[in-house]
N, C-alpha and C. Protein backbone atom coordinates (compact mmCIF):
# COMPACT_ATOMS: atom_id res chain seq x y z
N MET A 1 -84.48 32.45 38.34
CA MET A 1 -83.28 32.45 37.58
C MET A 1 -82.46 31.25 37.97
N SER A 2 -82.89 30.22 37.49
CA SER A 2 -82.21 29.01 37.88
C SER A 2 -81.11 28.67 36.89
N GLY A 3 -79.92 28.48 37.33
CA GLY A 3 -78.77 28.05 36.55
C GLY A 3 -78.22 29.09 35.59
N ARG A 4 -78.84 30.23 35.50
CA ARG A 4 -78.33 31.24 34.58
C ARG A 4 -77.60 32.30 35.35
N LYS A 5 -76.40 32.60 34.88
CA LYS A 5 -75.55 33.57 35.58
C LYS A 5 -75.81 34.94 35.01
N THR A 6 -76.02 35.87 35.81
CA THR A 6 -76.23 37.24 35.37
C THR A 6 -75.07 38.09 35.84
N PHE A 7 -74.85 39.12 35.04
CA PHE A 7 -73.74 40.02 35.36
C PHE A 7 -74.30 41.24 36.06
N THR A 8 -73.49 41.80 36.86
CA THR A 8 -73.87 43.04 37.53
C THR A 8 -73.71 44.19 36.55
N ALA A 9 -74.22 45.32 36.88
CA ALA A 9 -74.13 46.51 36.02
C ALA A 9 -72.68 46.90 35.82
N ALA A 10 -71.87 46.76 36.82
CA ALA A 10 -70.45 47.12 36.70
C ALA A 10 -69.74 46.16 35.75
N GLN A 11 -70.12 44.88 35.82
CA GLN A 11 -69.50 43.90 34.93
C GLN A 11 -69.92 44.15 33.49
N HIS A 12 -71.22 44.48 33.27
CA HIS A 12 -71.67 44.79 31.91
C HIS A 12 -70.93 46.01 31.36
N ALA A 13 -70.78 47.01 32.16
CA ALA A 13 -70.06 48.21 31.71
C ALA A 13 -68.62 47.87 31.36
N TYR A 14 -67.98 47.04 32.14
CA TYR A 14 -66.59 46.63 31.90
C TYR A 14 -66.49 45.86 30.58
N ILE A 15 -67.40 44.92 30.35
CA ILE A 15 -67.38 44.10 29.12
C ILE A 15 -67.63 44.99 27.91
N ASN A 16 -68.59 45.88 28.00
CA ASN A 16 -68.88 46.78 26.89
C ASN A 16 -67.69 47.69 26.56
N ARG A 17 -67.05 48.16 27.61
CA ARG A 17 -65.90 49.05 27.42
C ARG A 17 -64.76 48.30 26.74
N LYS A 18 -64.50 47.06 27.11
CA LYS A 18 -63.39 46.29 26.55
C LYS A 18 -63.69 45.76 25.15
N SER A 19 -64.92 45.52 24.84
CA SER A 19 -65.26 44.93 23.54
C SER A 19 -65.48 45.97 22.45
N LYS A 20 -65.57 47.22 22.76
CA LYS A 20 -65.74 48.28 21.76
C LYS A 20 -64.41 48.52 21.03
N PRO A 21 -64.47 48.61 19.70
CA PRO A 21 -63.23 48.98 19.01
C PRO A 21 -62.89 50.42 19.34
N ARG A 22 -61.66 50.62 19.61
CA ARG A 22 -61.27 51.98 19.98
C ARG A 22 -60.45 52.62 18.87
N GLU A 23 -60.42 53.91 18.85
CA GLU A 23 -59.65 54.67 17.87
C GLU A 23 -58.17 54.55 18.20
N HIS A 24 -57.37 54.36 17.16
CA HIS A 24 -55.92 54.26 17.39
C HIS A 24 -55.31 55.65 17.41
N ASP A 25 -54.44 55.83 18.34
CA ASP A 25 -53.68 57.08 18.45
C ASP A 25 -52.57 57.02 17.40
N PRO A 26 -52.30 58.11 16.67
CA PRO A 26 -51.20 58.10 15.68
C PRO A 26 -49.86 57.76 16.31
N ALA A 27 -49.69 58.01 17.58
CA ALA A 27 -48.43 57.66 18.24
C ALA A 27 -48.29 56.17 18.40
N ASP A 28 -49.45 55.43 18.39
CA ASP A 28 -49.40 53.97 18.52
C ASP A 28 -49.48 53.33 17.14
N ALA A 29 -48.66 53.76 16.20
CA ALA A 29 -48.76 53.32 14.81
C ALA A 29 -48.29 51.90 14.59
N GLY A 30 -47.97 51.20 15.60
CA GLY A 30 -47.61 49.79 15.45
C GLY A 30 -46.19 49.56 14.99
N GLY A 31 -45.25 50.48 15.15
CA GLY A 31 -43.84 50.28 14.85
C GLY A 31 -43.48 50.40 13.38
N GLU A 32 -44.32 50.97 12.55
CA GLU A 32 -43.97 51.15 11.15
C GLU A 32 -42.94 52.27 11.03
N ILE A 33 -41.84 51.95 10.36
CA ILE A 33 -40.75 52.92 10.20
C ILE A 33 -40.61 53.25 8.72
N ASN A 34 -40.37 54.49 8.43
CA ASN A 34 -40.10 54.91 7.06
C ASN A 34 -38.63 54.57 6.77
N ILE A 35 -38.41 53.53 5.94
CA ILE A 35 -37.04 53.07 5.70
C ILE A 35 -36.42 53.67 4.44
N VAL A 36 -37.12 54.54 3.75
CA VAL A 36 -36.58 55.13 2.52
C VAL A 36 -35.29 55.91 2.78
N PRO A 37 -35.20 56.76 3.81
CA PRO A 37 -33.91 57.43 4.04
C PRO A 37 -32.78 56.44 4.36
N PHE A 38 -33.11 55.39 5.07
CA PHE A 38 -32.10 54.37 5.40
C PHE A 38 -31.60 53.69 4.12
N LEU A 39 -32.52 53.36 3.20
CA LEU A 39 -32.12 52.74 1.94
C LEU A 39 -31.27 53.68 1.09
N ASP A 40 -31.57 54.96 1.12
CA ASP A 40 -30.75 55.94 0.39
C ASP A 40 -29.32 55.94 0.90
N ILE A 41 -29.16 55.90 2.22
CA ILE A 41 -27.82 55.89 2.82
C ILE A 41 -27.09 54.61 2.44
N VAL A 42 -27.76 53.47 2.54
CA VAL A 42 -27.13 52.19 2.21
C VAL A 42 -26.72 52.15 0.74
N THR A 43 -27.59 52.65 -0.14
CA THR A 43 -27.26 52.67 -1.56
C THR A 43 -26.03 53.53 -1.83
N ASN A 44 -25.95 54.69 -1.20
CA ASN A 44 -24.79 55.56 -1.39
C ASN A 44 -23.52 54.90 -0.87
N ILE A 45 -23.61 54.22 0.25
CA ILE A 45 -22.43 53.54 0.79
C ILE A 45 -21.99 52.42 -0.14
N LEU A 46 -22.95 51.65 -0.66
CA LEU A 46 -22.60 50.57 -1.58
C LEU A 46 -21.95 51.11 -2.85
N MET A 47 -22.46 52.21 -3.37
CA MET A 47 -21.85 52.80 -4.56
C MET A 47 -20.41 53.24 -4.29
N PHE A 48 -20.19 53.82 -3.14
CA PHE A 48 -18.84 54.25 -2.76
C PHE A 48 -17.91 53.05 -2.62
N ILE A 49 -18.39 51.99 -1.99
CA ILE A 49 -17.56 50.79 -1.82
C ILE A 49 -17.22 50.17 -3.16
N LEU A 50 -18.21 50.06 -4.05
CA LEU A 50 -17.95 49.47 -5.37
C LEU A 50 -16.99 50.33 -6.18
N ALA A 51 -17.07 51.62 -6.04
CA ALA A 51 -16.16 52.50 -6.78
C ALA A 51 -14.74 52.41 -6.26
N THR A 52 -14.56 52.19 -4.97
CA THR A 52 -13.20 52.13 -4.43
C THR A 52 -12.60 50.74 -4.51
N ILE A 53 -13.39 49.70 -4.63
CA ILE A 53 -12.84 48.34 -4.72
C ILE A 53 -11.99 48.20 -5.97
N THR A 54 -12.39 48.79 -7.07
CA THR A 54 -11.62 48.65 -8.30
C THR A 54 -10.25 49.28 -8.18
N THR A 55 -10.11 50.34 -7.39
CA THR A 55 -8.79 50.94 -7.24
C THR A 55 -7.94 50.21 -6.23
N VAL A 56 -8.54 49.45 -5.34
CA VAL A 56 -7.76 48.72 -4.34
C VAL A 56 -7.02 47.57 -4.98
N PHE A 57 -7.63 46.92 -5.99
CA PHE A 57 -7.04 45.73 -6.56
C PHE A 57 -6.25 45.96 -7.83
N THR A 58 -5.98 47.19 -8.20
CA THR A 58 -5.17 47.44 -9.38
C THR A 58 -3.71 47.17 -9.07
N ALA A 59 -2.98 46.77 -10.08
CA ALA A 59 -1.56 46.47 -9.89
C ALA A 59 -0.76 47.77 -9.82
N THR A 60 0.27 47.75 -9.03
CA THR A 60 1.16 48.90 -8.95
C THR A 60 2.56 48.47 -9.35
N ILE A 61 3.28 49.36 -9.95
CA ILE A 61 4.65 49.09 -10.37
C ILE A 61 5.56 50.00 -9.56
N ALA A 62 6.44 49.39 -8.77
CA ALA A 62 7.38 50.18 -7.98
C ALA A 62 8.41 50.79 -8.92
N MET A 63 8.54 52.11 -8.86
CA MET A 63 9.45 52.79 -9.76
C MET A 63 10.04 54.01 -9.05
N PRO A 64 11.36 54.17 -9.09
CA PRO A 64 11.93 55.34 -8.44
C PRO A 64 11.53 56.63 -9.17
N ALA A 65 11.52 57.72 -8.44
CA ALA A 65 11.17 59.00 -9.02
C ALA A 65 12.27 59.45 -9.98
N PRO A 66 11.90 60.12 -11.07
CA PRO A 66 12.92 60.59 -12.01
C PRO A 66 13.77 61.69 -11.39
N SER A 67 15.03 61.72 -11.79
CA SER A 67 15.91 62.76 -11.27
C SER A 67 15.72 64.03 -12.08
N SER A 68 15.95 65.16 -11.45
CA SER A 68 15.75 66.43 -12.14
C SER A 68 17.08 67.09 -12.52
N GLY A 69 18.19 66.41 -12.24
CA GLY A 69 19.49 66.98 -12.55
C GLY A 69 19.84 66.82 -14.02
N PRO A 70 20.98 67.36 -14.42
CA PRO A 70 21.40 67.23 -15.81
C PRO A 70 21.76 65.80 -16.15
N SER A 71 21.67 65.47 -17.42
CA SER A 71 21.98 64.12 -17.88
C SER A 71 23.47 63.83 -17.69
N THR A 72 23.77 62.59 -17.28
CA THR A 72 25.18 62.22 -17.07
C THR A 72 25.73 61.43 -18.24
N GLY A 73 24.89 61.15 -19.24
CA GLY A 73 25.35 60.32 -20.35
C GLY A 73 26.18 61.11 -21.35
N GLY A 74 27.16 60.42 -21.95
CA GLY A 74 27.89 60.98 -23.08
C GLY A 74 29.04 61.89 -22.73
N GLY A 75 29.31 62.22 -21.49
CA GLY A 75 30.41 63.10 -21.15
C GLY A 75 31.74 62.38 -21.20
N ALA A 76 32.80 63.12 -21.36
CA ALA A 76 34.13 62.51 -21.40
C ALA A 76 34.47 61.91 -20.05
N GLY A 77 35.04 60.73 -20.07
CA GLY A 77 35.43 60.07 -18.83
C GLY A 77 34.26 59.40 -18.13
N ASN A 78 33.07 59.40 -18.72
CA ASN A 78 31.92 58.76 -18.10
C ASN A 78 31.94 57.28 -18.45
N THR A 79 31.95 56.42 -17.43
CA THR A 79 32.01 54.98 -17.66
C THR A 79 30.65 54.32 -17.49
N GLU A 80 29.59 55.12 -17.31
CA GLU A 80 28.27 54.53 -17.11
C GLU A 80 27.75 53.94 -18.41
N VAL A 81 27.27 52.70 -18.32
CA VAL A 81 26.72 52.01 -19.47
C VAL A 81 25.23 52.29 -19.51
N ASN A 82 24.76 52.88 -20.62
CA ASN A 82 23.34 53.18 -20.78
C ASN A 82 22.69 52.13 -21.66
N ILE A 83 21.67 51.49 -21.14
CA ILE A 83 20.92 50.49 -21.89
C ILE A 83 19.54 51.08 -22.16
N THR A 84 19.09 50.98 -23.41
CA THR A 84 17.76 51.49 -23.77
C THR A 84 16.96 50.40 -24.47
N VAL A 85 15.67 50.41 -24.23
CA VAL A 85 14.75 49.50 -24.92
C VAL A 85 13.66 50.36 -25.54
N LYS A 86 13.54 50.27 -26.85
CA LYS A 86 12.49 50.99 -27.56
C LYS A 86 11.42 49.98 -27.96
N ILE A 87 10.20 50.24 -27.49
CA ILE A 87 9.07 49.36 -27.82
C ILE A 87 8.42 49.91 -29.08
N VAL A 88 8.49 49.11 -30.15
CA VAL A 88 7.89 49.51 -31.42
C VAL A 88 6.85 48.46 -31.82
N ARG A 89 6.10 48.75 -32.86
CA ARG A 89 5.03 47.83 -33.28
C ARG A 89 5.56 46.47 -33.69
N ASP A 90 6.80 46.44 -34.21
CA ASP A 90 7.35 45.19 -34.73
C ASP A 90 8.18 44.42 -33.70
N GLY A 91 8.34 44.95 -32.47
CA GLY A 91 9.12 44.25 -31.45
C GLY A 91 9.89 45.23 -30.58
N TYR A 92 11.17 44.92 -30.34
CA TYR A 92 12.03 45.74 -29.48
C TYR A 92 13.32 46.10 -30.22
N ILE A 93 13.75 47.34 -30.00
CA ILE A 93 15.08 47.78 -30.44
C ILE A 93 15.85 48.06 -29.16
N VAL A 94 16.97 47.36 -28.96
CA VAL A 94 17.74 47.48 -27.72
C VAL A 94 19.03 48.22 -28.02
N GLY A 95 19.22 49.34 -27.32
CA GLY A 95 20.44 50.13 -27.48
C GLY A 95 21.44 49.81 -26.38
N ALA A 96 22.70 49.79 -26.75
CA ALA A 96 23.80 49.51 -25.82
C ALA A 96 24.96 50.43 -26.19
N PRO A 97 26.02 50.47 -25.37
CA PRO A 97 27.17 51.32 -25.71
C PRO A 97 27.72 50.95 -27.09
N GLY A 98 27.88 51.95 -27.94
CA GLY A 98 28.46 51.73 -29.26
C GLY A 98 27.43 51.48 -30.35
N GLY A 99 26.17 51.42 -30.04
CA GLY A 99 25.17 51.20 -31.09
C GLY A 99 23.96 50.44 -30.58
N PHE A 100 23.46 49.56 -31.44
CA PHE A 100 22.26 48.79 -31.13
C PHE A 100 22.57 47.31 -31.22
N LEU A 101 21.96 46.55 -30.34
CA LEU A 101 22.14 45.10 -30.39
C LEU A 101 21.43 44.54 -31.60
N GLN A 102 22.06 43.59 -32.24
CA GLN A 102 21.49 42.95 -33.42
C GLN A 102 20.66 41.74 -32.97
N PRO A 103 19.86 41.17 -33.87
CA PRO A 103 19.08 39.98 -33.50
C PRO A 103 19.98 38.91 -32.90
N GLY A 104 19.53 38.33 -31.81
CA GLY A 104 20.34 37.36 -31.07
C GLY A 104 21.12 38.00 -29.94
N CYS A 105 21.17 39.33 -29.91
CA CYS A 105 21.80 40.12 -28.84
C CYS A 105 23.28 39.81 -28.64
N SER A 106 23.97 39.38 -29.71
CA SER A 106 25.38 39.04 -29.55
C SER A 106 26.32 40.08 -30.13
N ALA A 107 25.84 40.93 -31.04
CA ALA A 107 26.70 41.92 -31.68
C ALA A 107 26.06 43.30 -31.60
N VAL A 108 26.94 44.33 -31.64
CA VAL A 108 26.49 45.71 -31.62
C VAL A 108 26.81 46.32 -32.98
N ALA A 109 25.79 46.96 -33.59
CA ALA A 109 25.99 47.61 -34.89
C ALA A 109 24.95 48.72 -35.02
N GLY A 110 24.53 48.99 -36.24
CA GLY A 110 23.55 50.04 -36.49
C GLY A 110 22.15 49.63 -36.01
N ALA A 111 21.23 50.58 -36.10
CA ALA A 111 19.87 50.35 -35.61
C ALA A 111 19.24 49.17 -36.33
N ALA A 112 18.71 48.26 -35.55
CA ALA A 112 18.05 47.07 -36.08
C ALA A 112 17.02 46.58 -35.09
N LEU A 113 16.10 45.80 -35.57
CA LEU A 113 15.08 45.21 -34.72
C LEU A 113 15.74 44.06 -33.96
N THR A 114 15.97 44.25 -32.67
CA THR A 114 16.69 43.26 -31.87
C THR A 114 15.83 42.05 -31.55
N VAL A 115 14.62 42.28 -31.08
CA VAL A 115 13.72 41.19 -30.71
C VAL A 115 12.42 41.38 -31.49
N PRO A 116 12.21 40.59 -32.55
CA PRO A 116 10.98 40.75 -33.34
C PRO A 116 9.77 40.13 -32.63
N LEU A 117 8.60 40.42 -33.17
CA LEU A 117 7.36 39.84 -32.65
C LEU A 117 7.34 38.33 -32.89
N ILE A 118 6.58 37.63 -32.06
CA ILE A 118 6.39 36.20 -32.25
C ILE A 118 4.92 35.96 -32.60
N PRO A 119 4.62 34.84 -33.26
CA PRO A 119 3.21 34.57 -33.59
C PRO A 119 2.38 34.43 -32.31
N GLY A 120 1.17 34.98 -32.35
CA GLY A 120 0.28 34.87 -31.20
C GLY A 120 -0.40 33.52 -31.16
N PRO A 121 -1.16 33.27 -30.10
CA PRO A 121 -1.93 32.02 -30.03
C PRO A 121 -2.86 31.91 -31.24
N ALA A 122 -3.34 30.72 -31.50
CA ALA A 122 -4.13 30.40 -32.69
C ALA A 122 -5.13 31.49 -33.04
N GLY A 123 -4.96 32.07 -34.21
CA GLY A 123 -5.90 33.06 -34.71
C GLY A 123 -5.73 34.46 -34.14
N GLN A 124 -4.74 34.70 -33.27
CA GLN A 124 -4.56 36.02 -32.69
C GLN A 124 -3.37 36.72 -33.32
N ALA A 125 -3.29 38.02 -33.10
CA ALA A 125 -2.23 38.84 -33.68
C ALA A 125 -0.87 38.49 -33.06
N PRO A 126 0.21 38.78 -33.79
CA PRO A 126 1.55 38.57 -33.22
C PRO A 126 1.73 39.39 -31.95
N MET A 127 2.63 38.93 -31.08
CA MET A 127 2.82 39.60 -29.80
C MET A 127 4.30 39.80 -29.50
N HIS A 128 4.58 40.71 -28.56
CA HIS A 128 5.96 40.98 -28.16
C HIS A 128 6.53 39.78 -27.41
N ASP A 129 7.81 39.50 -27.66
CA ASP A 129 8.47 38.32 -27.10
C ASP A 129 9.21 38.71 -25.82
N TYR A 130 8.54 38.56 -24.68
CA TYR A 130 9.11 38.94 -23.39
C TYR A 130 10.27 38.02 -22.99
N LEU A 131 10.15 36.74 -23.29
CA LEU A 131 11.22 35.80 -22.92
C LEU A 131 12.51 36.11 -23.67
N ALA A 132 12.39 36.41 -24.97
CA ALA A 132 13.59 36.76 -25.74
C ALA A 132 14.20 38.06 -25.23
N LEU A 133 13.36 39.02 -24.80
CA LEU A 133 13.88 40.27 -24.24
C LEU A 133 14.61 40.00 -22.93
N THR A 134 14.09 39.10 -22.10
CA THR A 134 14.77 38.74 -20.85
C THR A 134 16.12 38.10 -21.15
N ARG A 135 16.18 37.19 -22.13
CA ARG A 135 17.46 36.56 -22.50
C ARG A 135 18.45 37.61 -23.01
N CYS A 136 17.93 38.60 -23.74
CA CYS A 136 18.78 39.68 -24.25
C CYS A 136 19.36 40.49 -23.08
N MET A 137 18.54 40.77 -22.07
CA MET A 137 19.02 41.51 -20.90
C MET A 137 20.08 40.70 -20.14
N GLU A 138 19.90 39.38 -20.08
CA GLU A 138 20.91 38.52 -19.44
C GLU A 138 22.22 38.57 -20.21
N THR A 139 22.13 38.58 -21.53
CA THR A 139 23.34 38.68 -22.36
C THR A 139 24.07 39.98 -22.10
N ILE A 140 23.32 41.07 -21.96
CA ILE A 140 23.94 42.38 -21.67
C ILE A 140 24.62 42.35 -20.32
N ARG A 141 23.95 41.83 -19.29
CA ARG A 141 24.54 41.81 -17.94
C ARG A 141 25.78 40.91 -17.88
N ASN A 142 25.83 39.87 -18.70
CA ASN A 142 26.96 38.94 -18.67
C ASN A 142 28.05 39.29 -19.69
N ASN A 143 27.89 40.37 -20.45
CA ASN A 143 28.89 40.78 -21.42
C ASN A 143 30.16 41.19 -20.68
N PRO A 144 31.31 40.59 -21.03
CA PRO A 144 32.56 40.90 -20.31
C PRO A 144 32.96 42.38 -20.37
N GLU A 145 32.63 43.09 -21.47
CA GLU A 145 33.00 44.49 -21.60
C GLU A 145 32.22 45.37 -20.63
N TRP A 146 30.99 45.00 -20.30
CA TRP A 146 30.12 45.85 -19.49
C TRP A 146 29.85 45.30 -18.10
N ARG A 147 30.33 44.11 -17.80
CA ARG A 147 29.99 43.46 -16.53
C ARG A 147 30.39 44.31 -15.33
N THR A 148 31.57 44.90 -15.35
CA THR A 148 32.04 45.70 -14.20
C THR A 148 31.16 46.94 -14.02
N GLU A 149 30.89 47.63 -15.13
CA GLU A 149 30.07 48.84 -15.04
C GLU A 149 28.63 48.54 -14.62
N LEU A 150 28.14 47.37 -15.01
CA LEU A 150 26.75 47.02 -14.71
C LEU A 150 26.58 46.30 -13.38
N ALA A 151 27.67 46.06 -12.67
CA ALA A 151 27.58 45.31 -11.41
C ALA A 151 26.62 45.99 -10.43
N ASP A 152 26.70 47.31 -10.30
CA ASP A 152 25.81 48.04 -9.38
C ASP A 152 24.84 48.96 -10.11
N ASN A 153 24.82 48.87 -11.43
CA ASN A 153 23.93 49.73 -12.22
C ASN A 153 22.71 48.92 -12.65
N HIS A 154 21.55 49.32 -12.19
CA HIS A 154 20.31 48.62 -12.54
C HIS A 154 19.36 49.54 -13.28
N LYS A 155 19.93 50.60 -13.91
CA LYS A 155 19.10 51.58 -14.61
C LYS A 155 18.91 51.16 -16.07
N ILE A 156 17.72 51.48 -16.57
CA ILE A 156 17.41 51.21 -17.98
C ILE A 156 16.42 52.27 -18.45
N GLN A 157 16.54 52.63 -19.71
CA GLN A 157 15.61 53.60 -20.30
C GLN A 157 14.67 52.85 -21.23
N ILE A 158 13.38 53.01 -21.00
CA ILE A 158 12.37 52.32 -21.82
C ILE A 158 11.48 53.38 -22.45
N ALA A 159 11.33 53.30 -23.76
CA ALA A 159 10.49 54.27 -24.48
C ALA A 159 9.59 53.51 -25.44
N GLY A 160 8.39 54.04 -25.61
CA GLY A 160 7.44 53.42 -26.52
C GLY A 160 6.56 54.46 -27.16
N ASN A 161 5.91 54.07 -28.25
CA ASN A 161 4.94 54.95 -28.90
C ASN A 161 3.71 55.06 -28.01
N GLN A 162 2.93 56.10 -28.25
CA GLN A 162 1.71 56.28 -27.46
C GLN A 162 0.66 55.23 -27.78
N ASP A 163 0.76 54.55 -28.91
CA ASP A 163 -0.24 53.54 -29.26
C ASP A 163 0.13 52.14 -28.78
N ILE A 164 1.24 52.01 -28.03
CA ILE A 164 1.61 50.71 -27.47
C ILE A 164 0.65 50.40 -26.32
N PRO A 165 0.04 49.20 -26.31
CA PRO A 165 -0.89 48.86 -25.22
C PRO A 165 -0.18 48.84 -23.86
N TYR A 166 -0.94 49.17 -22.85
CA TYR A 166 -0.39 49.22 -21.49
C TYR A 166 0.14 47.86 -21.05
N ARG A 167 -0.52 46.77 -21.45
CA ARG A 167 -0.07 45.43 -21.06
C ARG A 167 1.32 45.13 -21.62
N VAL A 168 1.63 45.69 -22.80
CA VAL A 168 2.95 45.48 -23.40
C VAL A 168 4.01 46.23 -22.58
N LEU A 169 3.69 47.44 -22.13
CA LEU A 169 4.62 48.20 -21.29
C LEU A 169 4.89 47.45 -19.99
N VAL A 170 3.84 46.94 -19.35
CA VAL A 170 4.01 46.21 -18.09
C VAL A 170 4.80 44.94 -18.32
N GLY A 171 4.49 44.22 -19.41
CA GLY A 171 5.25 43.00 -19.73
C GLY A 171 6.71 43.30 -19.99
N THR A 172 7.00 44.42 -20.63
CA THR A 172 8.38 44.83 -20.90
C THR A 172 9.11 45.14 -19.60
N LEU A 173 8.45 45.89 -18.71
CA LEU A 173 9.07 46.20 -17.41
C LEU A 173 9.38 44.93 -16.63
N ASP A 174 8.47 43.96 -16.67
CA ASP A 174 8.71 42.69 -15.99
C ASP A 174 9.85 41.92 -16.64
N ALA A 175 9.93 41.96 -17.97
CA ALA A 175 10.96 41.20 -18.69
C ALA A 175 12.37 41.73 -18.42
N VAL A 176 12.52 43.05 -18.25
CA VAL A 176 13.86 43.60 -18.03
C VAL A 176 14.24 43.63 -16.55
N ARG A 177 13.26 43.42 -15.65
CA ARG A 177 13.51 43.54 -14.22
C ARG A 177 14.24 42.34 -13.63
N GLU A 178 13.83 41.13 -14.02
CA GLU A 178 14.36 39.95 -13.35
C GLU A 178 14.31 38.73 -14.25
N THR A 179 15.22 37.76 -13.97
CA THR A 179 15.24 36.52 -14.74
C THR A 179 14.20 35.53 -14.22
N ARG A 180 13.86 35.63 -12.96
CA ARG A 180 12.80 34.79 -12.38
C ARG A 180 12.05 35.62 -11.36
N LEU A 181 10.87 35.20 -11.03
CA LEU A 181 9.98 35.97 -10.16
C LEU A 181 10.63 36.27 -8.82
N GLY A 182 10.71 37.55 -8.47
CA GLY A 182 11.25 37.98 -7.18
C GLY A 182 12.76 38.14 -7.13
N ALA A 183 13.47 37.84 -8.22
CA ALA A 183 14.94 37.88 -8.19
C ALA A 183 15.48 39.31 -8.21
N LYS A 184 14.86 40.20 -8.99
CA LYS A 184 15.35 41.58 -9.15
C LYS A 184 16.85 41.60 -9.42
N ASP A 185 17.27 40.82 -10.40
CA ASP A 185 18.70 40.67 -10.66
C ASP A 185 19.16 41.37 -11.94
N MET A 186 18.27 42.13 -12.59
CA MET A 186 18.70 42.81 -13.81
C MET A 186 18.47 44.31 -13.71
N PHE A 187 17.56 44.86 -14.51
CA PHE A 187 17.38 46.31 -14.59
C PHE A 187 16.03 46.68 -13.97
N PHE A 188 16.04 47.03 -12.69
CA PHE A 188 14.79 47.31 -11.98
C PHE A 188 14.64 48.78 -11.62
N GLU A 189 15.43 49.66 -12.24
CA GLU A 189 15.28 51.11 -12.05
C GLU A 189 15.01 51.75 -13.41
N PRO A 190 13.79 51.60 -13.94
CA PRO A 190 13.52 52.10 -15.29
C PRO A 190 13.22 53.59 -15.32
N THR A 191 13.56 54.20 -16.44
CA THR A 191 13.14 55.56 -16.74
C THR A 191 12.29 55.45 -18.00
N LEU A 192 11.05 55.93 -17.92
CA LEU A 192 10.13 55.78 -19.04
C LEU A 192 10.14 57.01 -19.92
N GLY A 193 9.94 56.79 -21.20
CA GLY A 193 9.90 57.89 -22.15
C GLY A 193 8.92 57.58 -23.29
N ILE A 194 8.71 58.54 -24.15
CA ILE A 194 7.80 58.39 -25.28
C ILE A 194 8.58 58.63 -26.56
N LEU A 195 8.43 57.72 -27.51
CA LEU A 195 9.08 57.88 -28.81
C LEU A 195 8.29 58.86 -29.65
N ASN A 196 9.00 59.68 -30.40
CA ASN A 196 8.33 60.65 -31.29
C ASN A 196 8.06 60.04 -32.64
């Protein structure tokens, strides 16, 4: 046996034992995990997050709670000035002491459309004129007859039909609340109602 290396019986047994494919134990499954329950949980969490995100970013309108006491308007000796804005399809009807404001908001007389609709952008329907309503509210606050009574009174009654779009209601609330963003210098305590 020149130059040829031979293995002992123990070495042959060792090599045979190591080179034989062995049966895998089910416990040695190689780290495979059933991820289906995990995906179910993640999907449910994502659905919950997506459902709540829409409510987080919705706009809110700060509004005092309505009072439950009797009405104070119209009694003898009552000096409170009641201002009302009725949102109708054709624009706004603004009520003030003694009647309704006429177009231009300078005179008080019988019921009339105080602020009519303005033409919409090219090809769109006419829309409510928020700027004209804000100017009308400024005229009311600066009226010499009502200035004293309105100095600390920021209440206004706003009523609209049920078919008035929500964006028009929000735009109206913004128009009567302030002359510029963040000023809160006009009527920021609204009471909402529905026209019959």
